[in-house]
Protein backbone atom coordinates (compact mmCIF):
# COMPACT_ATOMS: atom_id res chain seq x y z
CA MET A 1 -0.05 -14.87 -9.49
CA ARG A 2 -2.27 -12.70 -7.33
CA ARG A 3 -1.85 -9.02 -8.06
CA THR A 4 -1.47 -6.77 -5.04
CA TRP A 5 -0.46 -3.22 -5.64
CA LEU A 6 0.65 0.11 -4.29
CA ALA A 7 -0.01 1.73 -7.63
CA GLY A 8 -2.60 0.70 -10.15
CA VAL A 9 -4.80 -1.42 -7.92
CA PRO A 10 -7.84 -2.64 -9.84
CA LEU A 11 -9.79 0.63 -9.86
CA LEU A 12 -7.55 3.61 -9.22
CA GLY A 13 -4.46 3.05 -7.13
CA LEU A 14 -3.38 5.71 -4.65
CA ILE A 15 0.30 6.05 -3.83
CA LEU A 16 1.25 8.36 -1.02
CA ALA A 17 4.51 9.35 0.56
CA GLY A 18 4.97 7.28 3.69
CA CYS A 19 1.99 4.99 2.96
CA SER A 20 1.84 1.51 1.60
CA GLY A 21 -0.58 -1.08 0.89
CA SER A 22 -1.73 -3.59 -1.24
CA GLY A 23 -4.05 -6.38 -1.97
CA SER A 24 -7.14 -7.47 -0.12
CA THR A 25 -8.62 -10.48 1.59
CA PRO A 26 -12.24 -11.44 2.11
CA SER A 27 -14.17 -9.29 4.54
CA GLY A 28 -17.53 -9.45 6.23
CA ALA A 29 -19.40 -8.40 9.37
CA SER A 30 -17.91 -7.74 12.77
CA SER A 31 -19.35 -7.82 16.27
CA ARG A 32 -19.63 -4.57 18.21
CA THR A 33 -18.36 -6.18 21.40
CA THR A 34 -14.72 -5.49 22.11
CA VAL A 35 -13.09 -8.90 22.40
CA SER A 36 -9.72 -10.51 22.66
CA ALA A 37 -8.50 -13.03 20.12
CA SER A 38 -9.81 -15.87 22.26
CA GLY A 39 -13.27 -14.34 22.45
CA SER A 40 -13.19 -13.04 26.02
CA PRO A 41 -14.44 -9.46 26.65
CA SER A 42 -11.95 -6.62 26.90
CA THR A 43 -12.84 -3.66 29.06
CA SER A 44 -10.95 -0.99 27.12
CA PRO A 45 -8.70 -0.54 24.12
CA THR A 46 -4.99 -1.13 24.56
CA PRO A 47 -3.26 2.26 24.86
CA VAL A 48 -0.69 3.18 22.24
CA SER A 49 2.06 2.93 24.86
CA GLY A 50 2.78 -0.29 26.73
CA PRO A 51 4.49 -3.56 25.77
CA GLU A 52 6.78 -3.45 22.75
CA TRP A 53 6.51 -5.47 19.55
CA SER A 54 6.93 -9.19 20.10
CA ALA A 55 6.88 -12.35 18.01
CA TRP A 56 3.42 -13.96 17.93
CA ALA A 57 0.97 -15.79 15.69
CA ALA A 58 -2.80 -15.29 15.60
CA SER A 59 -5.74 -16.33 13.48
CA TYR A 60 -8.09 -13.75 12.04
CA SER A 61 -11.74 -14.26 11.29
CA ALA A 62 -13.58 -14.25 7.98
CA ALA A 63 -14.84 -10.80 8.99
CA GLU A 64 -11.34 -9.35 8.93
CA GLY A 65 -9.68 -8.32 5.71
CA ARG A 66 -6.60 -6.32 4.85
CA CYS A 67 -4.43 -5.22 7.77
CA GLU A 68 -1.94 -2.39 8.23
CA ALA A 69 0.24 -1.42 11.20
CA THR A 70 1.46 1.63 13.05
CA ALA A 71 4.39 1.63 15.45
CA HIS A 72 1.90 0.75 18.20
CA GLN A 73 -0.67 -1.69 16.84
CA VAL A 74 -2.08 -3.71 13.95
CA VAL A 75 -5.34 -2.45 12.42
CA CYS A 76 -7.55 -4.56 10.16
CA ARG A 77 -10.67 -3.61 8.25
CA THR A 78 -13.82 -5.66 8.41
CA GLY A 79 -16.72 -5.60 6.00
CA SER A 80 -19.06 -2.64 5.62
CA GLY A 81 -16.88 -0.04 7.29
CA GLY A 82 -15.80 -1.94 10.39
CA PHE A 83 -12.36 -2.15 12.04
CA VAL A 84 -10.45 -4.15 14.63
CA GLY A 85 -7.27 -3.19 16.47
CA ARG A 86 -4.72 -5.77 17.59
CA SER A 87 -1.98 -5.66 20.20
CA ARG A 88 1.56 -5.34 18.93
CA SER A 89 2.79 -7.58 21.75
CA THR A 90 0.30 -10.48 21.48
CA GLY A 91 -1.74 -10.07 18.28
CA GLU A 92 -4.96 -10.22 20.32
CA VAL A 93 -7.91 -8.02 19.40
CA THR A 94 -8.04 -5.04 21.76
CA TRP A 95 -10.87 -3.01 20.22
CA SER A 96 -13.43 -3.22 17.45
CA VAL A 97 -15.72 -0.90 15.53
CA PRO A 98 -18.85 -2.58 14.17
CA PRO A 99 -19.89 -2.51 10.50
CA ALA A 100 -22.05 0.42 9.49
CA GLY A 101 -24.19 -1.31 6.88
CA ARG A 102 -23.87 -3.07 3.57
CA GLY A 103 -21.97 -1.96 0.53
CA LYS A 104 -18.85 -2.54 -1.54
CA ASP A 105 -15.74 -2.00 0.52
CA ALA A 106 -12.87 0.43 -0.05
CA GLU A 107 -9.23 0.00 0.81
CA LEU A 108 -7.84 0.64 4.30
CA VAL A 109 -5.73 3.68 5.19
CA VAL A 110 -3.99 3.98 8.56
CA ASP A 111 -2.45 7.33 9.48
CA SER A 112 -0.33 7.42 12.63
CA ALA A 113 0.04 11.20 12.79
CA SER A 114 -3.70 11.84 13.06
CA GLU A 115 -4.38 8.54 14.87
CA ARG A 116 -7.03 7.56 12.35
CA ALA A 117 -7.89 4.51 10.27
CA VAL A 118 -10.22 5.11 7.33
CA THR A 119 -12.15 2.80 5.03
CA GLY A 120 -15.32 3.05 2.98
CA SER A 121 -18.43 1.07 2.32
CA GLY A 122 -20.83 1.88 -0.48
CA LYS A 123 -21.29 5.66 -0.50
CA THR A 124 -19.83 6.25 2.95
CA LEU A 125 -16.40 6.99 4.36
CA ARG A 126 -15.74 5.97 7.95
CA ALA A 127 -12.87 6.66 10.31
CA ALA A 128 -11.84 5.04 13.59
CA ASN A 129 -9.84 6.72 16.37
CA LEU A 130 -6.75 4.56 16.89
CA ARG A 131 -6.32 5.69 20.48
CA THR A 132 -9.89 5.13 21.71
CA GLY A 133 -11.03 2.39 19.32
CA LYS A 134 -14.25 4.26 18.55
CA VAL A 135 -15.81 5.85 15.46
CA ALA A 136 -14.14 9.21 14.79
CA TRP A 137 -16.38 10.39 11.92
CA THR A 138 -18.57 9.28 9.03
CA ARG A 139 -19.02 11.14 5.75
CA PRO A 140 -21.17 10.51 2.65
CA LEU A 141 -19.66 10.31 -0.84
CA THR A 142 -21.26 11.61 -4.01
CA ASP A 143 -21.00 8.51 -6.18
CA ALA A 144 -19.34 5.26 -5.18
CA SER A 145 -21.04 2.63 -7.27
CA ILE A 146 -17.79 0.64 -7.21
CA PRO A 147 -15.39 0.47 -4.24
CA THR A 148 -13.68 3.69 -3.31
CA VAL A 149 -9.89 3.78 -3.28
CA LEU A 150 -8.36 5.69 -0.41
CA GLY A 151 -5.04 7.20 0.58
CA ALA A 152 -3.66 9.79 2.97
CA ALA A 153 -0.94 12.43 2.98
CA ASP A 154 -0.26 15.55 5.05
CA GLY A 155 -3.34 15.15 7.24
CA THR A 156 -5.72 14.66 4.30
CA VAL A 157 -7.54 11.54 3.16
CA TYR A 158 -8.33 11.24 -0.54
CA ALA A 159 -11.27 9.25 -1.86
CA VAL A 160 -11.32 8.27 -5.52
CA GLU A 161 -14.74 7.53 -6.95
CA ASN A 162 -15.10 5.89 -10.33
CA PRO A 163 -18.75 5.10 -11.13
CA ASP A 164 -17.90 3.37 -14.41
CA VAL A 165 -14.55 1.63 -14.95
CA ASN A 166 -15.15 1.78 -18.70
CA VAL A 167 -15.12 5.59 -18.66
CA ARG A 168 -11.95 7.51 -17.79
CA ILE A 169 -13.72 10.04 -15.60
CA VAL A 170 -13.20 9.97 -11.84
CA THR A 171 -14.07 12.15 -8.87
CA LEU A 172 -11.28 12.88 -6.39
CA ALA A 173 -12.51 14.19 -3.04
CA ALA A 174 -10.33 15.45 -0.18
CA PHE A 175 -11.28 15.27 3.50
CA ARG A 176 -9.47 16.40 6.62
CA MET A 177 -8.21 13.27 8.31
CA SER A 178 -8.82 14.39 11.89
CA ASP A 179 -12.55 15.18 11.66
CA GLY A 180 -13.64 14.28 8.11
CA LYS A 181 -14.33 17.86 7.03
CA SER A 182 -14.85 18.05 3.24
CA LEU A 183 -12.10 20.17 1.68
CA TRP A 184 -12.76 19.93 -2.06
CA SER A 185 -13.94 17.67 -4.87
CA ARG A 186 -12.90 17.57 -8.53
CA THR A 187 -14.09 15.47 -11.47
CA PHE A 188 -11.66 14.92 -14.33
CA HIS A 189 -10.27 12.45 -16.86
CA ALA A 190 -7.98 9.82 -15.39
CA ASP A 191 -7.04 6.23 -16.10
CA SER A 192 -8.75 3.89 -13.65
CA TYR A 193 -5.53 1.86 -13.50
CA GLY A 194 -2.99 4.66 -13.67
CA GLY A 195 -2.34 5.49 -10.03
CA VAL A 196 -2.52 8.68 -8.02
CA ALA A 197 0.29 10.18 -5.92
CA ALA A 198 0.14 12.78 -3.14
CA PHE A 199 3.02 14.49 -1.35
CA GLY A 200 4.54 17.92 -0.83
CA GLY A 201 1.23 19.75 -1.02
CA ARG A 202 0.28 18.32 -4.41
CA VAL A 203 -1.85 15.51 -5.81
CA TYR A 204 -0.85 13.82 -9.08
CA THR A 205 -3.02 11.87 -11.52
CA THR A 206 -2.51 10.38 -14.96
CA ASP A 207 -5.01 9.86 -17.76
CA GLY A 208 -2.81 7.08 -19.13
CA THR A 209 -0.45 9.44 -20.92
CA LYS A 210 -0.43 12.93 -19.41
CA VAL A 211 0.21 13.64 -15.71
CA THR A 212 -1.58 16.50 -13.96
CA ALA A 213 -0.50 18.04 -10.66
CA ARG A 214 -3.15 19.62 -8.41
CA ASP A 215 -2.86 21.88 -5.40
CA ALA A 216 -3.66 19.65 -2.41
CA ARG A 217 -5.43 22.56 -0.65
CA THR A 218 -7.81 23.43 -3.49
CA GLY A 219 -7.76 20.66 -6.08
CA ASP A 220 -6.86 23.17 -8.80
CA ALA A 221 -4.55 22.00 -11.60
CA VAL A 222 -1.10 23.64 -11.41
CA ALA A 223 1.10 21.68 -13.86
CA THR A 224 1.04 19.01 -16.59
CA THR A 225 3.71 16.93 -18.27
CA PRO A 226 5.10 18.23 -21.56
CA LYS A 227 4.22 16.59 -24.86
CA GLY A 228 6.10 13.41 -25.61
CA VAL A 229 6.25 12.22 -22.00
CA GLU A 230 4.22 9.03 -21.74
CA CYS A 231 3.06 8.08 -18.26
CA ALA A 232 0.80 5.04 -18.09
CA ASN A 233 1.33 4.44 -14.37
CA LEU A 234 2.55 6.46 -11.37
CA VAL A 235 4.82 5.19 -8.60
CA SER A 236 5.68 7.45 -5.68
CA GLY A 237 7.52 7.48 -2.37
CA GLY A 238 10.03 9.60 -0.49
CA HIS A 239 8.88 12.68 -2.44
CA TYR A 240 9.91 11.08 -5.73
CA LEU A 241 7.59 10.60 -8.68
CA VAL A 242 8.21 7.99 -11.38
CA CYS A 243 6.31 7.00 -14.50
CA THR A 244 6.32 3.37 -15.63
CA GLY A 245 4.46 1.32 -18.18
CA SER A 246 1.09 -0.10 -17.20
CA PRO A 247 1.06 -3.54 -15.54
CA TYR A 248 -2.27 -4.07 -17.28
CA SER A 249 -0.89 -3.60 -20.77
CA ALA A 250 -1.62 -6.40 -23.24
CA GLY A 251 1.50 -5.62 -25.23
CA ASP A 252 5.14 -6.54 -24.74
CA VAL A 253 6.73 -3.11 -25.26
CA PHE A 254 6.51 -0.57 -22.44
CA PRO A 255 7.37 3.11 -22.00
CA PRO A 256 10.75 3.64 -20.31
CA LEU A 257 11.11 4.62 -16.67
CA ARG A 258 10.82 8.39 -16.27
CA ARG A 259 11.52 10.30 -13.09
CA LEU A 260 9.49 13.53 -13.06
CA ASP A 261 10.32 16.82 -11.41
CA PRO A 262 7.43 17.12 -8.91
CA VAL A 263 7.16 20.89 -9.45
CA THR A 264 7.37 21.25 -13.23
CA LEU A 265 6.53 17.62 -14.19
CA ARG A 266 9.38 17.71 -16.68
CA PRO A 267 11.26 14.42 -17.16
CA MET A 268 14.60 14.02 -15.42
CA LYS A 269 17.51 11.77 -16.31
CA THR A 270 16.55 8.22 -15.30
CA ALA A 271 18.37 4.89 -15.38
CA GLU A 272 17.50 2.52 -18.22
CA ASP A 273 15.09 -0.20 -17.15
CA THR A 274 15.18 -3.86 -18.15
CA GLY A 275 12.48 -3.59 -20.80
CA ASP A 276 10.34 -6.17 -19.00
CA LYS A 277 6.80 -5.54 -17.79
CA PRO A 278 6.68 -3.27 -14.70
CA GLU A 279 4.36 -4.73 -12.09
CA ARG A 280 4.85 -2.91 -8.80
CA GLY A 281 7.34 -0.49 -7.26
CA VAL A 282 8.29 1.15 -3.97
CA ILE A 283 10.60 4.14 -3.48
CA SER A 284 12.76 4.89 -0.43
CA SER A 285 13.17 8.29 1.19
CA ASP A 286 16.66 8.63 -0.34
CA GLY A 287 15.54 7.84 -3.87
CA VAL A 288 16.00 4.11 -4.47
CA LEU A 289 13.21 2.63 -6.59
CA VAL A 290 12.73 -1.12 -6.23
CA LEU A 291 10.57 -2.31 -9.12
CA TYR A 292 9.19 -5.77 -9.82
CA GLU A 293 9.47 -6.51 -13.55
CA ALA A 294 8.16 -9.66 -15.20
CA ASN A 295 8.14 -11.19 -18.65
CA ALA A 296 5.06 -9.89 -20.46
CA GLU A 297 4.18 -13.38 -21.71
CA ASP A 298 4.90 -15.25 -18.45
CA SER A 299 4.34 -13.22 -15.30
CA SER A 300 4.78 -16.22 -12.97
CA ALA A 301 8.35 -15.11 -12.33
CA GLY A 302 10.36 -11.94 -12.64
CA SER A 303 12.93 -9.81 -10.88
CA TRP A 304 13.04 -7.05 -8.30
CA ASN A 305 15.34 -4.41 -9.77
CA ALA A 306 16.73 -1.50 -7.77
CA TYR A 307 17.33 1.87 -9.44
CA ASP A 308 19.13 4.87 -7.97
CA LEU A 309 16.96 7.84 -8.96
CA VAL A 310 19.41 10.51 -7.74
CA HIS A 311 22.49 9.16 -9.51
CA PRO A 312 20.69 7.37 -12.34
CA LYS A 313 21.84 3.76 -12.49
CA ARG A 314 20.56 0.25 -11.87
CA LEU A 315 21.93 -1.05 -8.57
CA TRP A 316 21.00 -4.73 -8.36
CA SER A 317 18.54 -7.45 -9.32
CA TYR A 318 16.86 -10.28 -7.37
CA ASP A 319 15.00 -13.07 -9.19
CA ASP A 320 11.65 -13.78 -7.51
CA THR A 321 8.13 -15.14 -7.97
CA THR A 322 6.17 -12.49 -6.06
CA GLU A 323 5.46 -8.81 -6.40
CA GLU A 324 4.90 -8.53 -2.65
CA GLY A 325 7.63 -6.31 -1.22
CA GLU A 326 7.97 -3.45 1.25
CA LEU A 327 10.58 -1.07 2.65
CA ALA A 328 11.86 -1.14 6.23
CA GLY A 329 14.43 1.55 6.86
CA ASP A 330 17.41 1.03 4.56
CA ARG A 331 16.36 -2.51 3.63
CA PHE A 332 13.92 -4.06 1.20
CA LEU A 333 11.71 -6.95 2.32
CA THR A 334 10.13 -9.60 0.13
CA PHE A 335 9.35 -13.32 0.12
CA THR A 336 11.87 -15.78 -1.23
CA PRO A 337 11.00 -17.41 -4.59
CA ARG A 338 8.64 -20.33 -4.22
CA ASN A 339 10.41 -22.26 -7.01
CA ASP A 340 13.66 -22.46 -5.02
CA ALA A 341 13.40 -25.35 -2.56
CA ALA A 342 16.55 -24.27 -0.71
CA VAL A 343 15.16 -20.93 0.48
CA ARG A 344 11.40 -20.82 -0.14
CA ASP A 345 8.80 -19.96 2.53
CA ARG A 346 10.95 -17.26 4.10
CA VAL A 347 11.17 -13.49 4.32
CA ILE A 348 14.38 -11.95 3.01
CA SER A 349 15.72 -8.47 3.76
CA ILE A 350 18.09 -6.89 1.25
CA ASP A 351 20.25 -3.81 1.65
CA LEU A 352 18.86 -1.13 -0.65
CA ARG A 353 22.27 -0.08 -1.98
CA THR A 354 24.28 -3.30 -2.19
CA GLY A 355 21.49 -5.76 -2.96
CA PRO A 356 21.52 -9.57 -2.57
CA LYS A 357 25.30 -9.76 -3.04
CA GLY A 358 26.07 -7.45 -0.14
CA THR A 359 28.50 -8.59 2.54
CA GLY A 360 29.05 -7.89 6.23
CA ASP A 361 26.40 -5.65 7.76
CA ALA A 362 24.94 -5.16 4.26
CA ALA A 363 24.50 -8.87 3.60
CA PRO A 364 20.98 -10.22 2.93
CA HIS A 365 19.18 -11.77 5.92
CA LEU A 366 16.74 -14.68 5.82
CA SER A 367 13.99 -15.44 8.30
CA PRO A 368 13.24 -19.01 9.40
CA ARG A 369 10.66 -20.89 7.34
CA TYR A 370 7.06 -19.98 8.16
CA SER A 371 3.90 -21.60 6.88
CA GLN A 372 2.39 -18.12 6.44
CA ALA A 373 5.10 -17.32 3.87
CA ARG A 374 4.21 -20.15 1.49
CA GLY A 375 3.16 -19.05 -1.96
CA GLY A 376 -0.16 -20.87 -1.65
CA GLU A 377 -1.04 -18.68 1.33
CA TYR A 378 -0.92 -15.55 -0.88
CA PRO A 379 1.02 -13.77 1.86
CA ARG A 380 1.60 -10.05 2.14
CA LEU A 381 3.92 -8.00 4.31
CA VAL A 382 2.72 -5.45 6.85
CA VAL A 383 5.53 -3.17 8.04
CA PRO A 384 4.88 -1.10 11.18
CA GLY A 385 5.67 2.60 11.10
CA GLY A 386 8.57 4.21 12.89
CA ASP A 387 11.81 2.23 13.06
CA PRO A 388 10.40 -1.32 13.03
CA ASP A 389 12.16 -4.32 14.50
CA HIS A 390 9.30 -6.68 13.59
CA VAL A 391 7.23 -7.28 10.47
CA VAL A 392 3.81 -8.93 10.18
CA VAL A 393 3.08 -11.58 7.57
CA GLN A 394 -0.61 -11.79 6.64
CA ALA A 395 -1.57 -15.14 5.09
CA GLY A 396 -4.74 -15.17 3.03
CA THR A 397 -5.64 -18.83 2.52
CA HIS A 398 -5.66 -19.93 6.16
CA ARG A 399 -6.24 -16.43 7.59
CA SER A 400 -3.35 -16.01 9.95
CA LEU A 401 -1.11 -13.19 11.09
CA ARG A 402 2.44 -13.74 12.26
CA SER A 403 4.70 -11.11 13.79
CA ILE A 404 8.35 -11.98 13.22
CA PRO A 405 11.62 -10.24 14.06
CA LEU A 406 12.85 -8.17 11.15
CA PRO A 407 15.35 -10.40 9.30
């Protein structure tokens, strides 16, 4: 199974309220010329207003890698700090930013509020203006000998630099999203696989056991978890903060789920988990955690389990073969299990509260079969911001994007 993560990506995952992302696909160089998907020149970027989301399918080149989406467009990174923007109505390329040079690539962050997309290459951060399709700013990093992990919250982009994955010392640097102004930088002990969360004016890190909260304006430490609270991995969303066991653990016993008070970092009452290996989780704005848990000895299959964090209880379970899943409003989206011939190769949406056994308006919905949703395509879901009525499936093997109506 390919691992694609919101928390604990291979380096240092960054989990931010209102942001998602996971995985990566091969990337390379990009041409400076603004082109459409068919290769014909385009005179100007598509404005953020205009035609609404539509169903479409498009190929993407070897130069394009991971994609994200706002309410107005799809944005993909290319190698060495490049970007392309795609129309929400046709999937065609409407603007491109050329690569800046060579270097190991960072993740992609797309922030609708500031109209910026940010990635990194080598020791450089680079941002594109989503409205104009041009470079917004470029900033050097202090030490990025391995790819930088990025994330954004409250108008700030955070760059995590880890020069040696064998040493639990990282540098976390904060930059203003709009113009790239350096705000602060701190070096401290942290687990390269433990995750980082940012929301509500604070940034949270774990060293594999202890969680530290920092003031997002200054980087100064303001709180730590009390003794006895084990936090190998952080999952965040909707201004909730949850500790889970590490998906990279070699053992078969994991720390229990722990919801933390984001101010004091003291543990709060939390529903009992299944005891299986936590792989990936997302949290809704009203406090429903949907966590993929797999058998520690056989991770080829597992279950998505939903937990109510406010009224601690487990809500439902859905057996699956993928840890690819996202939130869209009050529903959870994932791919159907590839070992079930009756429903495989589809996207399913599940009501967050009632789960796969819901009825009526809360019943689960299945998309038609799509080749992009096959397990061998290593697909991922890209959910536009706002109140989406479409979702994009990004297939990795045959490099295709498909916009489909939200099931």
